[in-house]
Amino acid sequence: MRHKGFTLVEILVVVVIMAIVISFAVLSIGAGGKDTQLDEESRRIEGLVDMLHDRALLEGRDFGMRIEPAAYEFMLYDTREDRWALLDQEREFRHRDLPKGIQFQLELDSHQVVLKPIDGNAASDDAPAPPQLAIAASGEGTPFRLTLLRDATKAQSSVSGDSLGKTTRIGSDQPVKKPP
């Protein structure tokens, strides 16, 4: 008479399949609190700000970054018009919206800045609102700390810049240190 049940091989196959499925699930959510999407966006911002610092030095022009609660864009100071203009003719410096569920927090001089969305209904001949971050032709810039926050998990990543144009980034898996 044969007993009904599972063999050891069948049980091991099921355990291996479960381990593979669980490992894919862990990798997709990010192990250790890491949020890949936040880190990717903060790396992009750090790179773009660094590019503008280099460009400001090379071209002798002033640039800026305007930040909304869930979007950002870059600007150029037009000396002939004596006003800020959007730097939207170049693909890398176009207006960018953050992915859903992510928003910005901005600190200037250790003070939290209230970010407001830009009014899209403003007349086209009106000067655009000025940027919160400026990058001077000398390479100097506005000291800042720009934090990207995910609403659902409270994960965060940040990009900081000092007055000499040096930027640093803290990933979502690193503890956030408040400036002294």
C-alpha atoms as a PDB file:
ATOM      1  CA  MET A   1       0.000   0.000   0.000  1.00  0.00           C
ATOM      2  CA  ARG A   2       1.371   3.406  -1.032  1.00  0.00           C
ATOM      3  CA  HIS A   3       1.116   6.375   1.372  1.00  0.00           C
ATOM      4  CA  LYS A   4      -0.138   9.629   0.000  1.00  0.00           C
ATOM      5  CA  GLY A   5       2.002  12.667   0.740  1.00  0.00           C
ATOM      6  CA  PHE A   6       4.822  14.836  -0.546  1.00  0.00           C
ATOM      7  CA  THR A   7       8.306  13.588  -1.156  1.00  0.00           C
ATOM      8  CA  LEU A   8      11.315  15.435   0.144  1.00  0.00           C
ATOM      9  CA  VAL A   9      12.216  16.525  -3.404  1.00  0.00           C
ATOM     10  CA  GLU A  10       8.767  18.060  -3.966  1.00  0.00           C
ATOM     11  CA  ILE A  11       9.004  19.999  -0.706  1.00  0.00           C
ATOM     12  CA  LEU A  12      12.489  21.278  -1.581  1.00  0.00           C
ATOM     13  CA  VAL A  13      11.310  22.422  -5.032  1.00  0.00           C
ATOM     14  CA  VAL A  14       8.462  24.403  -3.433  1.00  0.00           C
ATOM     15  CA  VAL A  15      10.855  25.974  -0.897  1.00  0.00           C
ATOM     16  CA  VAL A  16      13.280  27.004  -3.657  1.00  0.00           C
ATOM     17  CA  ILE A  17      10.472  28.550  -5.721  1.00  0.00           C
ATOM     18  CA  MET A  18       9.203  30.459  -2.673  1.00  0.00           C
ATOM     19  CA  ALA A  19      12.728  31.734  -1.936  1.00  0.00           C
ATOM     20  CA  ILE A  20      13.108  33.003  -5.494  1.00  0.00           C
ATOM     21  CA  VAL A  21       9.720  34.775  -5.419  1.00  0.00           C
ATOM     22  CA  ILE A  22      10.479  36.373  -2.040  1.00  0.00           C
ATOM     23  CA  SER A  23      13.921  37.564  -3.188  1.00  0.00           C
ATOM     24  CA  PHE A  24      12.371  39.251  -6.250  1.00  0.00           C
ATOM     25  CA  ALA A  25       9.770  40.907  -4.023  1.00  0.00           C
ATOM     26  CA  VAL A  26      12.445  42.208  -1.637  1.00  0.00           C
ATOM     27  CA  LEU A  27      14.554  43.533  -4.517  1.00  0.00           C
ATOM     28  CA  SER A  28      11.610  45.329  -6.100  1.00  0.00           C
ATOM     29  CA  ILE A  29      10.666  47.199  -2.919  1.00  0.00           C
ATOM     30  CA  GLY A  30      14.258  47.924  -2.032  1.00  0.00           C
ATOM     31  CA  ALA A  31      16.029  46.212   0.784  1.00  0.00           C
ATOM     32  CA  GLY A  32      17.288  48.183   3.737  1.00  0.00           C
ATOM     33  CA  GLY A  33      14.970  51.140   3.276  1.00  0.00           C
ATOM     34  CA  LYS A  34      16.477  52.147  -0.073  1.00  0.00           C
ATOM     35  CA  ASP A  35      14.114  53.932  -2.459  1.00  0.00           C
ATOM     36  CA  THR A  36      15.581  53.640  -5.945  1.00  0.00           C
ATOM     37  CA  GLN A  37      13.252  56.208  -7.499  1.00  0.00           C
ATOM     38  CA  LEU A  38      14.150  58.856  -4.882  1.00  0.00           C
ATOM     39  CA  ASP A  39      17.856  58.151  -5.304  1.00  0.00           C
ATOM     40  CA  GLU A  40      17.632  58.363  -9.101  1.00  0.00           C
ATOM     41  CA  GLU A  41      15.841  61.715  -8.957  1.00  0.00           C
ATOM     42  CA  SER A  42      18.260  63.164  -6.382  1.00  0.00           C
ATOM     43  CA  ARG A  43      21.233  62.017  -8.515  1.00  0.00           C
ATOM     44  CA  ARG A  44      19.671  63.731 -11.541  1.00  0.00           C
ATOM     45  CA  ILE A  45      19.202  66.994  -9.626  1.00  0.00           C
ATOM     46  CA  GLU A  46      22.750  66.863  -8.258  1.00  0.00           C
ATOM     47  CA  GLY A  47      24.131  66.300 -11.765  1.00  0.00           C
ATOM     48  CA  LEU A  48      22.081  69.095 -13.331  1.00  0.00           C
ATOM     49  CA  VAL A  49      23.065  71.592 -10.622  1.00  0.00           C
ATOM     50  CA  ASP A  50      26.736  70.609 -11.057  1.00  0.00           C
ATOM     51  CA  MET A  51      26.424  71.088 -14.831  1.00  0.00           C
ATOM     52  CA  LEU A  52      24.943  74.553 -14.329  1.00  0.00           C
ATOM     53  CA  HIS A  53      27.779  75.527 -11.953  1.00  0.00           C
ATOM     54  CA  ASP A  54      30.326  74.512 -14.590  1.00  0.00           C
ATOM     55  CA  ARG A  55      28.371  76.259 -17.304  1.00  0.00           C
ATOM     56  CA  ALA A  56      28.060  79.455 -15.247  1.00  0.00           C
ATOM     57  CA  LEU A  57      31.851  79.571 -14.901  1.00  0.00           C
ATOM     58  CA  LEU A  58      32.496  78.810 -18.579  1.00  0.00           C
ATOM     59  CA  GLU A  59      29.916  81.182 -20.050  1.00  0.00           C
ATOM     60  CA  GLY A  60      30.027  83.917 -17.402  1.00  0.00           C
ATOM     61  CA  ARG A  61      26.236  83.821 -16.998  1.00  0.00           C
ATOM     62  CA  ASP A  62      23.886  83.517 -14.035  1.00  0.00           C
ATOM     63  CA  PHE A  63      21.543  80.539 -13.759  1.00  0.00           C
ATOM     64  CA  GLY A  64      18.851  79.518 -11.291  1.00  0.00           C
ATOM     65  CA  MET A  65      16.589  76.691 -10.235  1.00  0.00           C
ATOM     66  CA  ARG A  66      12.924  77.266  -9.464  1.00  0.00           C
ATOM     67  CA  ILE A  67      11.325  74.638  -7.251  1.00  0.00           C
ATOM     68  CA  GLU A  68       7.637  73.841  -6.838  1.00  0.00           C
ATOM     69  CA  PRO A  69       6.170  71.282  -4.406  1.00  0.00           C
ATOM     70  CA  ALA A  70       6.399  68.480  -7.007  1.00  0.00           C
ATOM     71  CA  ALA A  71       8.322  69.964  -9.959  1.00  0.00           C
ATOM     72  CA  TYR A  72      11.408  71.980 -10.854  1.00  0.00           C
ATOM     73  CA  GLU A  73      12.853  73.941 -13.745  1.00  0.00           C
ATOM     74  CA  PHE A  74      15.975  75.891 -14.572  1.00  0.00           C
ATOM     75  CA  MET A  75      16.350  79.540 -15.456  1.00  0.00           C
ATOM     76  CA  LEU A  76      18.843  81.919 -17.034  1.00  0.00           C
ATOM     77  CA  TYR A  77      19.279  85.564 -16.096  1.00  0.00           C
ATOM     78  CA  ASP A  78      18.875  87.647 -19.246  1.00  0.00           C
ATOM     79  CA  THR A  79      21.013  90.764 -18.737  1.00  0.00           C
ATOM     80  CA  ARG A  80      19.549  92.538 -21.800  1.00  0.00           C
ATOM     81  CA  GLU A  81      15.990  92.152 -20.514  1.00  0.00           C
ATOM     82  CA  ASP A  82      17.080  92.456 -16.857  1.00  0.00           C
ATOM     83  CA  ARG A  83      14.919  89.488 -15.820  1.00  0.00           C
ATOM     84  CA  TRP A  84      14.903  85.739 -15.354  1.00  0.00           C
ATOM     85  CA  ALA A  85      13.895  83.567 -18.315  1.00  0.00           C
ATOM     86  CA  LEU A  86      13.113  79.859 -18.466  1.00  0.00           C
ATOM     87  CA  LEU A  87      15.919  77.679 -19.733  1.00  0.00           C
ATOM     88  CA  ASP A  88      13.514  75.359 -21.506  1.00  0.00           C
ATOM     89  CA  GLN A  89      15.092  75.317 -24.969  1.00  0.00           C
ATOM     90  CA  GLU A  90      17.554  72.641 -23.876  1.00  0.00           C
ATOM     91  CA  ARG A  91      16.245  69.152 -23.241  1.00  0.00           C
ATOM     92  CA  GLU A  92      18.251  68.444 -20.082  1.00  0.00           C
ATOM     93  CA  PHE A  93      17.131  71.675 -18.394  1.00  0.00           C
ATOM     94  CA  ARG A  94      13.427  71.368 -19.244  1.00  0.00           C
ATOM     95  CA  HIS A  95      10.598  71.557 -16.715  1.00  0.00           C
ATOM     96  CA  ARG A  96      10.434  68.266 -14.785  1.00  0.00           C
ATOM     97  CA  ASP A  97       7.633  66.887 -12.678  1.00  0.00           C
ATOM     98  CA  LEU A  98       8.460  64.540  -9.822  1.00  0.00           C
ATOM     99  CA  PRO A  99       6.984  61.022  -9.899  1.00  0.00           C
ATOM    100  CA  LYS A 100       3.614  60.645  -8.157  1.00  0.00           C
ATOM    101  CA  GLY A 101       3.845  60.437  -4.374  1.00  0.00           C
ATOM    102  CA  ILE A 102       7.125  62.396  -4.149  1.00  0.00           C
ATOM    103  CA  GLN A 103       7.438  66.018  -3.127  1.00  0.00           C
ATOM    104  CA  PHE A 104      10.133  68.548  -2.260  1.00  0.00           C
ATOM    105  CA  GLN A 105      11.137  70.274   0.946  1.00  0.00           C
ATOM    106  CA  LEU A 106      13.529  73.199   0.586  1.00  0.00           C
ATOM    107  CA  GLU A 107      15.739  74.744   3.255  1.00  0.00           C
ATOM    108  CA  LEU A 108      17.635  77.960   2.667  1.00  0.00           C
ATOM    109  CA  ASP A 109      19.964  79.100   5.423  1.00  0.00           C
ATOM    110  CA  SER A 110      18.512  76.392   7.724  1.00  0.00           C
ATOM    111  CA  HIS A 111      14.986  77.809   7.317  1.00  0.00           C
ATOM    112  CA  GLN A 112      12.151  75.860   5.724  1.00  0.00           C
ATOM    113  CA  VAL A 113      10.795  77.534   2.565  1.00  0.00           C
ATOM    114  CA  VAL A 114       7.113  77.262   1.689  1.00  0.00           C
ATOM    115  CA  LEU A 115       6.950  75.978  -1.877  1.00  0.00           C
ATOM    116  CA  LYS A 116       4.029  77.095  -4.018  1.00  0.00           C
ATOM    117  CA  PRO A 117       2.986  75.833  -7.446  1.00  0.00           C
ATOM    118  CA  ILE A 118       3.627  78.233 -10.304  1.00  0.00           C
ATOM    119  CA  ASP A 119       0.469  79.818 -11.710  1.00  0.00           C
ATOM    120  CA  GLY A 120       0.106  78.459 -15.234  1.00  0.00           C
ATOM    121  CA  ASN A 121      -2.571  81.071 -16.023  1.00  0.00           C
ATOM    122  CA  ALA A 122      -0.205  84.031 -15.776  1.00  0.00           C
ATOM    123  CA  ALA A 123       0.106  86.139 -18.925  1.00  0.00           C
ATOM    124  CA  SER A 124       2.920  85.003 -21.222  1.00  0.00           C
ATOM    125  CA  ASP A 125       4.485  88.493 -21.347  1.00  0.00           C
ATOM    126  CA  ASP A 126       4.778  88.610 -17.543  1.00  0.00           C
ATOM    127  CA  ALA A 127       8.215  87.888 -16.153  1.00  0.00           C
ATOM    128  CA  PRO A 128       8.360  84.392 -14.650  1.00  0.00           C
ATOM    129  CA  ALA A 129       8.734  84.071 -10.891  1.00  0.00           C
ATOM    130  CA  PRO A 130      12.407  84.200  -9.875  1.00  0.00           C
ATOM    131  CA  PRO A 131      14.272  81.036  -8.863  1.00  0.00           C
ATOM    132  CA  GLN A 132      14.870  80.121  -5.230  1.00  0.00           C
ATOM    133  CA  LEU A 133      18.393  78.881  -6.004  1.00  0.00           C
ATOM    134  CA  ALA A 134      20.856  81.069  -7.897  1.00  0.00           C
ATOM    135  CA  ILE A 135      24.146  80.056  -9.476  1.00  0.00           C
ATOM    136  CA  ALA A 136      26.299  83.100 -10.189  1.00  0.00           C
ATOM    137  CA  ALA A 137      28.727  83.504 -13.070  1.00  0.00           C
ATOM    138  CA  SER A 138      31.507  83.387 -10.467  1.00  0.00           C
ATOM    139  CA  GLY A 139      30.484  79.812  -9.569  1.00  0.00           C
ATOM    140  CA  GLU A 140      29.068  80.804  -6.217  1.00  0.00           C
ATOM    141  CA  GLY A 141      25.557  79.707  -5.382  1.00  0.00           C
ATOM    142  CA  THR A 142      22.728  79.837  -2.908  1.00  0.00           C
ATOM    143  CA  PRO A 143      23.412  77.436  -0.015  1.00  0.00           C
ATOM    144  CA  PHE A 144      20.512  74.985   0.075  1.00  0.00           C
ATOM    145  CA  ARG A 145      19.199  71.612   1.158  1.00  0.00           C
ATOM    146  CA  LEU A 146      16.606  70.089  -1.161  1.00  0.00           C
ATOM    147  CA  THR A 147      14.905  67.001   0.264  1.00  0.00           C
ATOM    148  CA  LEU A 148      12.790  64.609  -1.771  1.00  0.00           C
ATOM    149  CA  LEU A 149      10.123  62.899   0.344  1.00  0.00           C
ATOM    150  CA  ARG A 150       7.944  59.923  -0.498  1.00  0.00           C
ATOM    151  CA  ASP A 151       4.513  60.484   1.071  1.00  0.00           C
ATOM    152  CA  ALA A 152       3.610  56.829   1.616  1.00  0.00           C
ATOM    153  CA  THR A 153       6.812  55.538   3.256  1.00  0.00           C
ATOM    154  CA  LYS A 154       8.384  58.741   4.585  1.00  0.00           C
ATOM    155  CA  ALA A 155      11.595  57.734   2.771  1.00  0.00           C
ATOM    156  CA  GLN A 156      13.787  60.679   1.840  1.00  0.00           C
ATOM    157  CA  SER A 157      16.857  61.602  -0.146  1.00  0.00           C
ATOM    158  CA  SER A 158      18.490  65.004  -0.264  1.00  0.00           C
ATOM    159  CA  VAL A 159      20.822  67.193  -2.282  1.00  0.00           C
ATOM    160  CA  SER A 160      22.722  70.002  -0.581  1.00  0.00           C
ATOM    161  CA  GLY A 161      24.807  72.790  -1.993  1.00  0.00           C
ATOM    162  CA  ASP A 162      27.160  75.248  -0.336  1.00  0.00           C
ATOM    163  CA  SER A 163      27.942  78.833  -1.304  1.00  0.00           C
ATOM    164  CA  LEU A 164      30.996  77.744  -3.332  1.00  0.00           C
ATOM    165  CA  GLY A 165      28.972  75.459  -5.581  1.00  0.00           C
ATOM    166  CA  LYS A 166      29.925  72.108  -4.032  1.00  0.00           C
ATOM    167  CA  THR A 167      26.973  69.706  -3.998  1.00  0.00           C
ATOM    168  CA  THR A 168      26.515  66.578  -1.913  1.00  0.00           C
ATOM    169  CA  ARG A 169      23.807  63.943  -1.918  1.00  0.00           C
ATOM    170  CA  ILE A 170      22.404  61.723   0.809  1.00  0.00           C
ATOM    171  CA  GLY A 171      20.696  58.577  -0.455  1.00  0.00           C
ATOM    172  CA  SER A 172      17.460  57.145   0.857  1.00  0.00           C
ATOM    173  CA  ASP A 173      19.306  54.368   2.700  1.00  0.00           C
ATOM    174  CA  GLN A 174      21.538  56.767   4.665  1.00  0.00           C
ATOM    175  CA  PRO A 175      20.515  58.508   7.877  1.00  0.00           C
ATOM    176  CA  VAL A 176      19.645  62.157   7.373  1.00  0.00           C
ATOM    177  CA  LYS A 177      21.892  64.551   9.284  1.00  0.00           C
ATOM    178  CA  LYS A 178      20.650  68.011  10.045  1.00  0.00           C
ATOM    179  CA  PRO A 179      23.165  70.795   9.370  1.00  0.00           C
ATOM    180  CA  PRO A 180      24.655  72.364  12.524  1.00  0.00           C
END
